[in-house]
PDB file of N, CA and C in Angstrom:
ATOM      1  N   UNK A   1      -8.189 -11.257   7.881  1.00  0.00           N
ATOM      2  CA  UNK A   1      -6.696 -11.428   8.544  1.00  0.00           C
ATOM      3  C   UNK A   1      -6.575  -9.816   8.769  1.00  0.00           C
ATOM      4  N   UNK A   2      -5.503 -10.456   9.666  1.00  0.00           N
ATOM      5  CA  UNK A   2      -4.981  -8.957  10.677  1.00  0.00           C
ATOM      6  C   UNK A   2      -3.236  -9.436  10.884  1.00  0.00           C
ATOM      7  N   UNK A   3      -2.526  -7.881  11.134  1.00  0.00           N
ATOM      8  CA  UNK A   3      -1.341  -8.524  10.942  1.00  0.00           C
ATOM      9  C   UNK A   3      -0.735  -7.277  11.691  1.00  0.00           C
ATOM     10  N   UNK A   4       0.160  -7.882  12.615  1.00  0.00           N
ATOM     11  CA  UNK A   4       1.077  -7.063  13.595  1.00  0.00           C
ATOM     12  C   UNK A   4       2.666  -6.539  13.046  1.00  0.00           C
ATOM     13  N   UNK A   5       3.171  -5.935  13.587  1.00  0.00           N
ATOM     14  CA  UNK A   5       4.793  -5.531  13.387  1.00  0.00           C
ATOM     15  C   UNK A   5       5.502  -6.296  12.689  1.00  0.00           C
ATOM     16  N   UNK A   6       5.646  -7.683  13.668  1.00  0.00           N
ATOM     17  CA  UNK A   6       6.227  -8.572  13.368  1.00  0.00           C
ATOM     18  C   UNK A   6       5.760  -9.568  12.445  1.00  0.00           C
ATOM     19  N   UNK A   7       5.061  -9.294  11.395  1.00  0.00           N
ATOM     20  CA  UNK A   7       4.568 -10.079  10.528  1.00  0.00           C
ATOM     21  C   UNK A   7       5.298  -9.228   9.226  1.00  0.00           C
ATOM     22  N   UNK A   8       6.174  -9.930   8.645  1.00  0.00           N
ATOM     23  CA  UNK A   8       7.313  -9.874   7.353  1.00  0.00           C
ATOM     24  C   UNK A   8       6.556  -9.027   6.206  1.00  0.00           C
ATOM     25  N   UNK A   9       7.241  -7.888   6.342  1.00  0.00           N
ATOM     26  CA  UNK A   9       7.094  -7.368   5.084  1.00  0.00           C
ATOM     27  C   UNK A   9       8.170  -7.358   4.188  1.00  0.00           C
ATOM     28  N   UNK A  10       7.668  -7.706   3.070  1.00  0.00           N
ATOM     29  CA  UNK A  10       8.461  -8.261   1.797  1.00  0.00           C
ATOM     30  C   UNK A  10       8.802  -7.285   0.670  1.00  0.00           C
ATOM     31  N   UNK A  11       8.529  -6.092   0.934  1.00  0.00           N
ATOM     32  CA  UNK A  11       8.998  -4.604   0.255  1.00  0.00           C
ATOM     33  C   UNK A  11       8.322  -3.442   0.466  1.00  0.00           C
ATOM     34  N   UNK A  12       9.200  -2.559   0.614  1.00  0.00           N
ATOM     35  CA  UNK A  12       8.942  -1.352   1.352  1.00  0.00           C
ATOM     36  C   UNK A  12       8.402  -0.557  -0.211  1.00  0.00           C
ATOM     37  N   UNK A  13       7.604   0.388   0.270  1.00  0.00           N
ATOM     38  CA  UNK A  13       7.753   1.661  -1.310  1.00  0.00           C
ATOM     39  C   UNK A  13       7.205   3.042  -0.857  1.00  0.00           C
ATOM     40  N   UNK A  14       8.265   3.659  -1.097  1.00  0.00           N
ATOM     41  CA  UNK A  14       8.353   5.297  -0.345  1.00  0.00           C
ATOM     42  C   UNK A  14       7.908   6.102  -1.798  1.00  0.00           C
ATOM     43  N   UNK A  15       6.349   6.475  -1.492  1.00  0.00           N
ATOM     44  CA  UNK A  15       6.283   7.826  -2.403  1.00  0.00           C
ATOM     45  C   UNK A  15       5.790   9.061  -1.674  1.00  0.00           C
ATOM     46  N   UNK A  16       7.188   9.444  -0.147  1.00  0.00           N
ATOM     47  CA  UNK A  16       6.532  10.143  -0.116  1.00  0.00           C
ATOM     48  C   UNK A  16       7.436  11.579  -0.980  1.00  0.00           C
ATOM     49  N   UNK A  17       6.189  12.702  -0.643  1.00  0.00           N
ATOM     50  CA  UNK A  17       6.645  13.720  -1.903  1.00  0.00           C
ATOM     51  C   UNK A  17       6.332  13.580  -3.891  1.00  0.00           C
ATOM     52  N   UNK A  18       6.076  12.198  -3.776  1.00  0.00           N
ATOM     53  CA  UNK A  18       5.030  12.454  -5.060  1.00  0.00           C
ATOM     54  C   UNK A  18       3.629  12.401  -4.790  1.00  0.00           C
ATOM     55  N   UNK A  19       3.557  13.005  -6.005  1.00  0.00           N
ATOM     56  CA  UNK A  19       2.004  13.431  -6.146  1.00  0.00           C
ATOM     57  C   UNK A  19       0.532  12.598  -7.462  1.00  0.00           C
ATOM     58  N   UNK A  20      -0.448  13.237  -6.913  1.00  0.00           N
ATOM     59  CA  UNK A  20      -1.151  12.122  -7.749  1.00  0.00           C
ATOM     60  C   UNK A  20      -0.770  11.933  -9.161  1.00  0.00           C
ATOM     61  N   UNK A  21      -0.816  11.322 -10.294  1.00  0.00           N
ATOM     62  CA  UNK A  21      -1.222   9.669  -9.405  1.00  0.00           C
ATOM     63  C   UNK A  21      -0.029   9.086  -9.627  1.00  0.00           C
ATOM     64  N   UNK A  22       1.101  10.112  -9.353  1.00  0.00           N
ATOM     65  CA  UNK A  22       2.429   8.471  -9.151  1.00  0.00           C
ATOM     66  C   UNK A  22       2.429   7.522  -8.055  1.00  0.00           C
ATOM     67  N   UNK A  23       1.750   7.783  -6.756  1.00  0.00           N
ATOM     68  CA  UNK A  23       2.099   6.889  -5.779  1.00  0.00           C
ATOM     69  C   UNK A  23       1.406   5.640  -6.286  1.00  0.00           C
ATOM     70  N   UNK A  24       0.203   5.936  -6.827  1.00  0.00           N
ATOM     71  CA  UNK A  24      -0.593   4.811  -7.367  1.00  0.00           C
ATOM     72  C   UNK A  24      -0.330   3.756  -8.391  1.00  0.00           C
ATOM     73  N   UNK A  25       0.321   4.434  -9.024  1.00  0.00           N
ATOM     74  CA  UNK A  25       1.103   4.083 -10.037  1.00  0.00           C
ATOM     75  C   UNK A  25       1.967   2.667  -9.511  1.00  0.00           C
ATOM     76  N   UNK A  26       3.075   3.551  -8.866  1.00  0.00           N
ATOM     77  CA  UNK A  26       3.739   2.770  -8.242  1.00  0.00           C
ATOM     78  C   UNK A  26       3.146   1.344  -7.390  1.00  0.00           C
ATOM     79  N   UNK A  27       1.915   1.661  -6.354  1.00  0.00           N
ATOM     80  CA  UNK A  27       1.943   1.098  -5.843  1.00  0.00           C
ATOM     81  C   UNK A  27       1.451  -0.248  -6.819  1.00  0.00           C
ATOM     82  N   UNK A  28       0.639  -0.118  -7.526  1.00  0.00           N
ATOM     83  CA  UNK A  28       0.359  -0.823  -8.657  1.00  0.00           C
ATOM     84  C   UNK A  28       1.153  -1.731  -9.497  1.00  0.00           C
ATOM     85  N   UNK A  29       2.485  -1.589  -9.407  1.00  0.00           N
ATOM     86  CA  UNK A  29       3.537  -1.800 -10.168  1.00  0.00           C
ATOM     87  C   UNK A  29       4.246  -2.888  -9.160  1.00  0.00           C
ATOM     88  N   UNK A  30       4.448  -2.229  -7.797  1.00  0.00           N
ATOM     89  CA  UNK A  30       4.735  -3.254  -7.129  1.00  0.00           C
ATOM     90  C   UNK A  30       4.027  -4.443  -6.543  1.00  0.00           C
ATOM     91  N   UNK A  31       2.679  -4.279  -6.528  1.00  0.00           N
ATOM     92  CA  UNK A  31       2.315  -5.244  -6.300  1.00  0.00           C
ATOM     93  C   UNK A  31       2.384  -6.383  -7.486  1.00  0.00           C
ATOM     94  N   UNK A  32       2.315  -5.938  -8.255  1.00  0.00           N
ATOM     95  CA  UNK A  32       2.445  -6.897  -9.710  1.00  0.00           C
ATOM     96  C   UNK A  32       3.779  -7.651  -9.562  1.00  0.00           C
ATOM     97  N   UNK A  33       5.072  -7.028  -8.705  1.00  0.00           N
ATOM     98  CA  UNK A  33       5.867  -7.949  -8.544  1.00  0.00           C
ATOM     99  C   UNK A  33       5.934  -8.550  -7.460  1.00  0.00           C
ATOM    100  N   UNK A  34       4.993  -8.531  -6.683  1.00  0.00           N
ATOM    101  CA  UNK A  34       4.981  -9.608  -5.254  1.00  0.00           C
ATOM    102  C   UNK A  34       4.550 -10.714  -5.467  1.00  0.00           C
ATOM    103  N   UNK A  35       4.606 -11.919  -4.886  1.00  0.00           N
ATOM    104  CA  UNK A  35       4.257 -13.149  -4.809  1.00  0.00           C
ATOM    105  C   UNK A  35       2.749 -13.360  -4.163  1.00  0.00           C
ATOM    106  N   UNK A  36       2.226 -14.180  -4.428  1.00  0.00           N
ATOM    107  CA  UNK A  36       0.781 -14.438  -3.112  1.00  0.00           C
ATOM    108  C   UNK A  36       1.400 -14.419  -2.498  1.00  0.00           C
ATOM    109  N   UNK A  37       0.264 -13.552  -0.752  1.00  0.00           N
ATOM    110  CA  UNK A  37       0.506 -13.758   0.511  1.00  0.00           C
ATOM    111  C   UNK A  37       1.434 -12.644   0.348  1.00  0.00           C
ATOM    112  N   UNK A  38       2.383 -12.194   0.125  1.00  0.00           N
ATOM    113  CA  UNK A  38       3.320 -11.460   0.008  1.00  0.00           C
ATOM    114  C   UNK A  38       2.970 -10.186   0.692  1.00  0.00           C
ATOM    115  N   UNK A  39       3.502  -9.228   0.981  1.00  0.00           N
ATOM    116  CA  UNK A  39       3.281  -7.756   2.365  1.00  0.00           C
ATOM    117  C   UNK A  39       3.455  -6.721   1.376  1.00  0.00           C
ATOM    118  N   UNK A  40       3.366  -5.589   1.098  1.00  0.00           N
ATOM    119  CA  UNK A  40       4.190  -4.453   0.302  1.00  0.00           C
ATOM    120  C   UNK A  40       3.657  -3.190   1.531  1.00  0.00           C
ATOM    121  N   UNK A  41       4.426  -2.381   1.573  1.00  0.00           N
ATOM    122  CA  UNK A  41       4.372  -1.285   2.836  1.00  0.00           C
ATOM    123  C   UNK A  41       4.436  -0.098   2.232  1.00  0.00           C
ATOM    124  N   UNK A  42       3.357   0.367   1.939  1.00  0.00           N
ATOM    125  CA  UNK A  42       3.383   1.765   1.500  1.00  0.00           C
ATOM    126  C   UNK A  42       3.456   3.280   2.371  1.00  0.00           C
ATOM    127  N   UNK A  43       4.816   3.829   1.633  1.00  0.00           N
ATOM    128  CA  UNK A  43       4.272   5.254   2.353  1.00  0.00           C
ATOM    129  C   UNK A  43       4.051   6.172   1.649  1.00  0.00           C
ATOM    130  N   UNK A  44       2.992   7.150   1.937  1.00  0.00           N
ATOM    131  CA  UNK A  44       2.184   8.408   0.821  1.00  0.00           C
ATOM    132  C   UNK A  44       1.993   9.680   1.546  1.00  0.00           C
ATOM    133  N   UNK A  45       2.061  10.803   1.289  1.00  0.00           N
ATOM    134  CA  UNK A  45       1.841  11.393   1.477  1.00  0.00           C
ATOM    135  C   UNK A  45       0.651  12.510   0.985  1.00  0.00           C
ATOM    136  N   UNK A  46       0.492  12.076  -0.161  1.00  0.00           N
ATOM    137  CA  UNK A  46      -0.323  13.093  -1.342  1.00  0.00           C
ATOM    138  C   UNK A  46      -1.688  12.675  -0.585  1.00  0.00           C
ATOM    139  N   UNK A  47      -2.734  13.856  -0.275  1.00  0.00           N
ATOM    140  CA  UNK A  47      -4.277  13.375   0.280  1.00  0.00           C
ATOM    141  C   UNK A  47      -4.695  12.861  -0.491  1.00  0.00           C
ATOM    142  N   UNK A  48      -4.534  12.594  -2.016  1.00  0.00           N
ATOM    143  CA  UNK A  48      -5.308  11.563  -2.427  1.00  0.00           C
ATOM    144  C   UNK A  48      -4.586  10.122  -2.596  1.00  0.00           C
ATOM    145  N   UNK A  49      -3.561  10.276  -2.290  1.00  0.00           N
ATOM    146  CA  UNK A  49      -3.215   8.597  -2.161  1.00  0.00           C
ATOM    147  C   UNK A  49      -4.099   7.774  -1.126  1.00  0.00           C
ATOM    148  N   UNK A  50      -4.699   8.210   0.096  1.00  0.00           N
ATOM    149  CA  UNK A  50      -5.491   7.659   0.592  1.00  0.00           C
ATOM    150  C   UNK A  50      -6.568   6.831   0.282  1.00  0.00           C
ATOM    151  N   UNK A  51      -7.846   7.470  -0.505  1.00  0.00           N
ATOM    152  CA  UNK A  51      -8.655   7.193  -1.238  1.00  0.00           C
ATOM    153  C   UNK A  51      -8.118   6.089  -2.723  1.00  0.00           C
ATOM    154  N   UNK A  52      -7.207   6.943  -3.267  1.00  0.00           N
ATOM    155  CA  UNK A  52      -6.988   5.909  -4.637  1.00  0.00           C
ATOM    156  C   UNK A  52      -6.371   4.127  -4.098  1.00  0.00           C
ATOM    157  N   UNK A  53      -5.242   4.542  -3.136  1.00  0.00           N
ATOM    158  CA  UNK A  53      -4.559   3.418  -2.770  1.00  0.00           C
ATOM    159  C   UNK A  53      -5.768   2.590  -2.516  1.00  0.00           C
ATOM    160  N   UNK A  54      -6.771   3.045  -1.241  1.00  0.00           N
ATOM    161  CA  UNK A  54      -7.389   2.067  -0.803  1.00  0.00           C
ATOM    162  C   UNK A  54      -8.630   1.179  -1.729  1.00  0.00           C
ATOM    163  N   UNK A  55      -9.001   2.498  -2.931  1.00  0.00           N
ATOM    164  CA  UNK A  55      -9.522   1.759  -4.004  1.00  0.00           C
ATOM    165  C   UNK A  55      -8.724   1.132  -4.941  1.00  0.00           C
ATOM    166  N   UNK A  56      -7.312   0.871  -5.326  1.00  0.00           N
ATOM    167  CA  UNK A  56      -6.614   0.158  -6.412  1.00  0.00           C
ATOM    168  C   UNK A  56      -6.837  -1.202  -5.347  1.00  0.00           C
ATOM    169  N   UNK A  57      -6.697  -1.501  -3.896  1.00  0.00           N
ATOM    170  CA  UNK A  57      -6.612  -2.450  -3.425  1.00  0.00           C
ATOM    171  C   UNK A  57      -7.962  -3.514  -3.627  1.00  0.00           C
ATOM    172  N   UNK A  58      -9.067  -2.490  -3.277  1.00  0.00           N
ATOM    173  CA  UNK A  58     -10.336  -3.169  -3.532  1.00  0.00           C
ATOM    174  C   UNK A  58     -10.898  -3.819  -4.755  1.00  0.00           C
ATOM    175  N   UNK A  59     -10.206  -2.777  -6.110  1.00  0.00           N
ATOM    176  CA  UNK A  59     -10.449  -3.137  -7.585  1.00  0.00           C
ATOM    177  C   UNK A  59      -9.435  -4.090  -7.677  1.00  0.00           C
ATOM    178  N   UNK A  60      -8.293  -4.313  -7.165  1.00  0.00           N
ATOM    179  CA  UNK A  60      -7.582  -5.652  -7.774  1.00  0.00           C
ATOM    180  C   UNK A  60      -7.740  -7.004  -6.561  1.00  0.00           C
ATOM    181  N   UNK A  61      -8.810  -6.810  -5.719  1.00  0.00           N
ATOM    182  CA  UNK A  61      -8.826  -8.210  -5.218  1.00  0.00           C
ATOM    183  C   UNK A  61      -8.103  -8.206  -3.955  1.00  0.00           C
ATOM    184  N   UNK A  62      -7.382  -7.693  -3.272  1.00  0.00           N
ATOM    185  CA  UNK A  62      -6.014  -7.480  -2.513  1.00  0.00           C
ATOM    186  C   UNK A  62      -6.455  -7.011  -1.127  1.00  0.00           C
ATOM    187  N   UNK A  63      -5.968  -7.742  -0.188  1.00  0.00           N
ATOM    188  CA  UNK A  63      -6.051  -6.918   1.118  1.00  0.00           C
ATOM    189  C   UNK A  63      -5.095  -6.024   1.915  1.00  0.00           C
ATOM    190  N   UNK A  64      -6.061  -4.950   2.260  1.00  0.00           N
ATOM    191  CA  UNK A  64      -5.728  -3.840   2.862  1.00  0.00           C
ATOM    192  C   UNK A  64      -5.930  -4.688   4.515  1.00  0.00           C
ATOM    193  N   UNK A  65      -4.298  -4.759   5.001  1.00  0.00           N
ATOM    194  CA  UNK A  65      -4.175  -5.379   6.673  1.00  0.00           C
ATOM    195  C   UNK A  65      -4.193  -4.265   7.434  1.00  0.00           C
ATOM    196  N   UNK A  66      -3.771  -2.858   7.103  1.00  0.00           N
ATOM    197  CA  UNK A  66      -3.081  -1.816   8.071  1.00  0.00           C
ATOM    198  C   UNK A  66      -3.612  -0.904   7.657  1.00  0.00           C
ATOM    199  N   UNK A  67      -3.988   0.292   8.444  1.00  0.00           N
ATOM    200  CA  UNK A  67      -3.986   1.583   7.584  1.00  0.00           C
ATOM    201  C   UNK A  67      -3.629   2.676   8.804  1.00  0.00           C
ATOM    202  N   UNK A  68      -2.622   3.787   8.811  1.00  0.00           N
ATOM    203  CA  UNK A  68      -1.977   4.438   9.361  1.00  0.00           C
ATOM    204  C   UNK A  68      -1.984   5.663   8.642  1.00  0.00           C
ATOM    205  N   UNK A  69      -2.793   6.656   9.421  1.00  0.00           N
ATOM    206  CA  UNK A  69      -2.740   8.338   9.332  1.00  0.00           C
ATOM    207  C   UNK A  69      -1.814   8.884  10.199  1.00  0.00           C
ATOM    208  N   UNK A  70      -0.384   9.114   9.832  1.00  0.00           N
ATOM    209  CA  UNK A  70      -0.035  10.232  10.790  1.00  0.00           C
ATOM    210  C   UNK A  70       0.404  11.534  10.305  1.00  0.00           C
ATOM    211  N   UNK A  71      -0.639  12.236  10.749  1.00  0.00           N
ATOM    212  CA  UNK A  71      -0.940  13.563  10.341  1.00  0.00           C
ATOM    213  C   UNK A  71      -0.481  13.991   9.473  1.00  0.00           C
ATOM    214  N   UNK A  72      -0.842  12.817   8.502  1.00  0.00           N
ATOM    215  CA  UNK A  72      -0.986  13.309   7.048  1.00  0.00           C
ATOM    216  C   UNK A  72      -0.124  12.466   6.225  1.00  0.00           C
ATOM    217  N   UNK A  73       0.599  11.833   6.590  1.00  0.00           N
ATOM    218  CA  UNK A  73       1.939  10.890   6.240  1.00  0.00           C
ATOM    219  C   UNK A  73       0.900   9.293   6.437  1.00  0.00           C
ATOM    220  N   UNK A  74       0.626   8.763   5.305  1.00  0.00           N
ATOM    221  CA  UNK A  74      -0.317   7.488   5.311  1.00  0.00           C
ATOM    222  C   UNK A  74       0.881   6.759   4.980  1.00  0.00           C
ATOM    223  N   UNK A  75       0.049   4.990   5.593  1.00  0.00           N
ATOM    224  CA  UNK A  75       0.989   4.358   5.899  1.00  0.00           C
ATOM    225  C   UNK A  75       0.291   3.106   5.291  1.00  0.00           C
ATOM    226  N   UNK A  76       0.589   1.971   4.389  1.00  0.00           N
ATOM    227  CA  UNK A  76      -0.380   0.946   4.001  1.00  0.00           C
ATOM    228  C   UNK A  76       0.302  -0.856   3.983  1.00  0.00           C
ATOM    229  N   UNK A  77      -0.332  -1.232   4.676  1.00  0.00           N
ATOM    230  CA  UNK A  77       0.111  -2.700   4.522  1.00  0.00           C
ATOM    231  C   UNK A  77      -0.999  -3.387   3.822  1.00  0.00           C
ATOM    232  N   UNK A  78      -0.080  -4.181   2.346  1.00  0.00           N
ATOM    233  CA  UNK A  78      -1.255  -4.582   1.688  1.00  0.00           C
ATOM    234  C   UNK A  78      -0.460  -6.034   1.245  1.00  0.00           C
ATOM    235  N   UNK A  79      -1.592  -6.740   1.645  1.00  0.00           N
ATOM    236  CA  UNK A  79      -1.781  -8.126   1.194  1.00  0.00           C
ATOM    237  C   UNK A  79      -1.827  -8.998  -0.135  1.00  0.00           C
ATOM    238  N   UNK A  80      -0.739  -9.010  -1.086  1.00  0.00           N
ATOM    239  CA  UNK A  80      -1.239  -9.578  -2.228  1.00  0.00           C
ATOM    240  C   UNK A  80      -1.858 -10.765  -2.096  1.00  0.00           C
ATOM    241  N   UNK A  81      -3.044 -10.835  -2.989  1.00  0.00           N
ATOM    242  CA  UNK A  81      -4.321 -12.008  -2.832  1.00  0.00           C
ATOM    243  C   UNK A  81      -3.783 -12.834  -4.083  1.00  0.00           C
ATOM    244  N   UNK A  82      -4.133 -12.003  -5.248  1.00  0.00           N
ATOM    245  CA  UNK A  82      -3.908 -12.670  -6.522  1.00  0.00           C
ATOM    246  C   UNK A  82      -3.067 -12.289  -7.520  1.00  0.00           C
TER     247      UNK A  82
END
């Protein structure tokens, strides 16, 4: 599945300035609060966040709809599937 900027983002999580493991923990908590098919937008700038959050999405059987790296500031769009 793919999304574009017109798809509804249900929750935005700003983890800019937070360091491991905080972005991962906050992303997990935010995903747990969403309903199936809702989209979580996450911003993070911790270098470990890219691999940590991608791994979390895979382990929890959710969908990474979009990932952007804007000079070390990451943006994730994650669709909750379970």
